[in-house]
C-alpha atoms as a PDB file:
ATOM      1  CA  MET A   1      23.497 -55.523 -23.426  1.00  0.00           C
ATOM      2  CA  ASN A   2      20.196 -54.095 -24.680  1.00  0.00           C
ATOM      3  CA  HIS A   3      19.741 -50.480 -23.578  1.00  0.00           C
ATOM      4  CA  TRP A   4      16.047 -50.036 -24.417  1.00  0.00           C
ATOM      5  CA  PRO A   5      14.666 -51.192 -21.051  1.00  0.00           C
ATOM      6  CA  PHE A   6      16.703 -48.463 -19.353  1.00  0.00           C
ATOM      7  CA  VAL A   7      15.555 -45.846 -21.851  1.00  0.00           C
ATOM      8  CA  ILE A   8      11.913 -46.856 -21.396  1.00  0.00           C
ATOM      9  CA  ALA A   9      12.306 -46.821 -17.604  1.00  0.00           C
ATOM     10  CA  ALA A  10      13.863 -43.350 -17.708  1.00  0.00           C
ATOM     11  CA  TYR A  11      11.002 -42.006 -19.810  1.00  0.00           C
ATOM     12  CA  GLY A  12       8.477 -43.651 -17.490  1.00  0.00           C
ATOM     13  CA  ILE A  13      10.048 -42.141 -14.387  1.00  0.00           C
ATOM     14  CA  THR A  14      10.169 -38.736 -16.075  1.00  0.00           C
ATOM     15  CA  LEU A  15       6.518 -38.873 -17.145  1.00  0.00           C
ATOM     16  CA  ILE A  16       5.353 -39.995 -13.706  1.00  0.00           C
ATOM     17  CA  GLY A  17       7.377 -37.235 -12.058  1.00  0.00           C
ATOM     18  CA  ALA A  18       6.055 -34.601 -14.443  1.00  0.00           C
ATOM     19  CA  ALA A  19       2.486 -35.753 -13.832  1.00  0.00           C
ATOM     20  CA  ALA A  20       3.009 -35.632 -10.061  1.00  0.00           C
ATOM     21  CA  VAL A  21       4.417 -32.092 -10.211  1.00  0.00           C
ATOM     22  CA  THR A  22       1.535 -30.986 -12.442  1.00  0.00           C
ATOM     23  CA  VAL A  23      -1.112 -32.397 -10.101  1.00  0.00           C
ATOM     24  CA  GLN A  24       0.576 -30.914  -7.041  1.00  0.00           C
ATOM     25  CA  SER A  25       0.827 -27.514  -8.738  1.00  0.00           C
ATOM     26  CA  LEU A  26      -2.827 -27.607  -9.738  1.00  0.00           C
ATOM     27  CA  LEU A  27      -3.956 -28.467  -6.211  1.00  0.00           C
ATOM     28  CA  ARG A  28      -1.809 -25.769  -4.618  1.00  0.00           C
ATOM     29  CA  MET A  29      -2.935 -23.198  -7.181  1.00  0.00           C
ATOM     30  CA  ARG A  30      -6.589 -23.936  -6.476  1.00  0.00           C
ATOM     31  CA  ALA A  31      -5.990 -23.642  -2.730  1.00  0.00           C
ATOM     32  CA  ALA A  32      -4.193 -20.315  -3.202  1.00  0.00           C
ATOM     33  CA  GLU A  33      -7.047 -19.014  -5.344  1.00  0.00           C
ATOM     34  CA  ARG A  34      -9.535 -19.981  -2.629  1.00  0.00           C
ATOM     35  CA  ARG A  35      -7.473 -18.109  -0.019  1.00  0.00           C
ATOM     36  CA  ALA A  36      -7.243 -15.057  -2.313  1.00  0.00           C
ATOM     37  CA  ASP A  37     -10.999 -15.097  -2.873  1.00  0.00           C
ATOM     38  CA  ALA A  38     -11.567 -15.345   0.878  1.00  0.00           C
ATOM     39  CA  LEU A  39      -9.422 -12.239   1.395  1.00  0.00           C
ATOM     40  CA  LYS A  40     -11.403 -10.363  -1.264  1.00  0.00           C
ATOM     41  CA  ASP A  41     -14.683 -11.306   0.397  1.00  0.00           C
ATOM     42  CA  ARG A  42     -13.546  -9.944   3.764  1.00  0.00           C
ATOM     43  CA  LYS A  43     -13.365  -6.366   2.484  1.00  0.00           C
END
């Protein structure tokens, strides 16, 4: 049985997962920075 389709699928799943984690991290980081800036502006 040819193993390459499974290898390609594993890499695809890994890349999609890594991209999703990166995007989620970026969005949460930007939101946290906005909250931190709002706290700075209050003082």
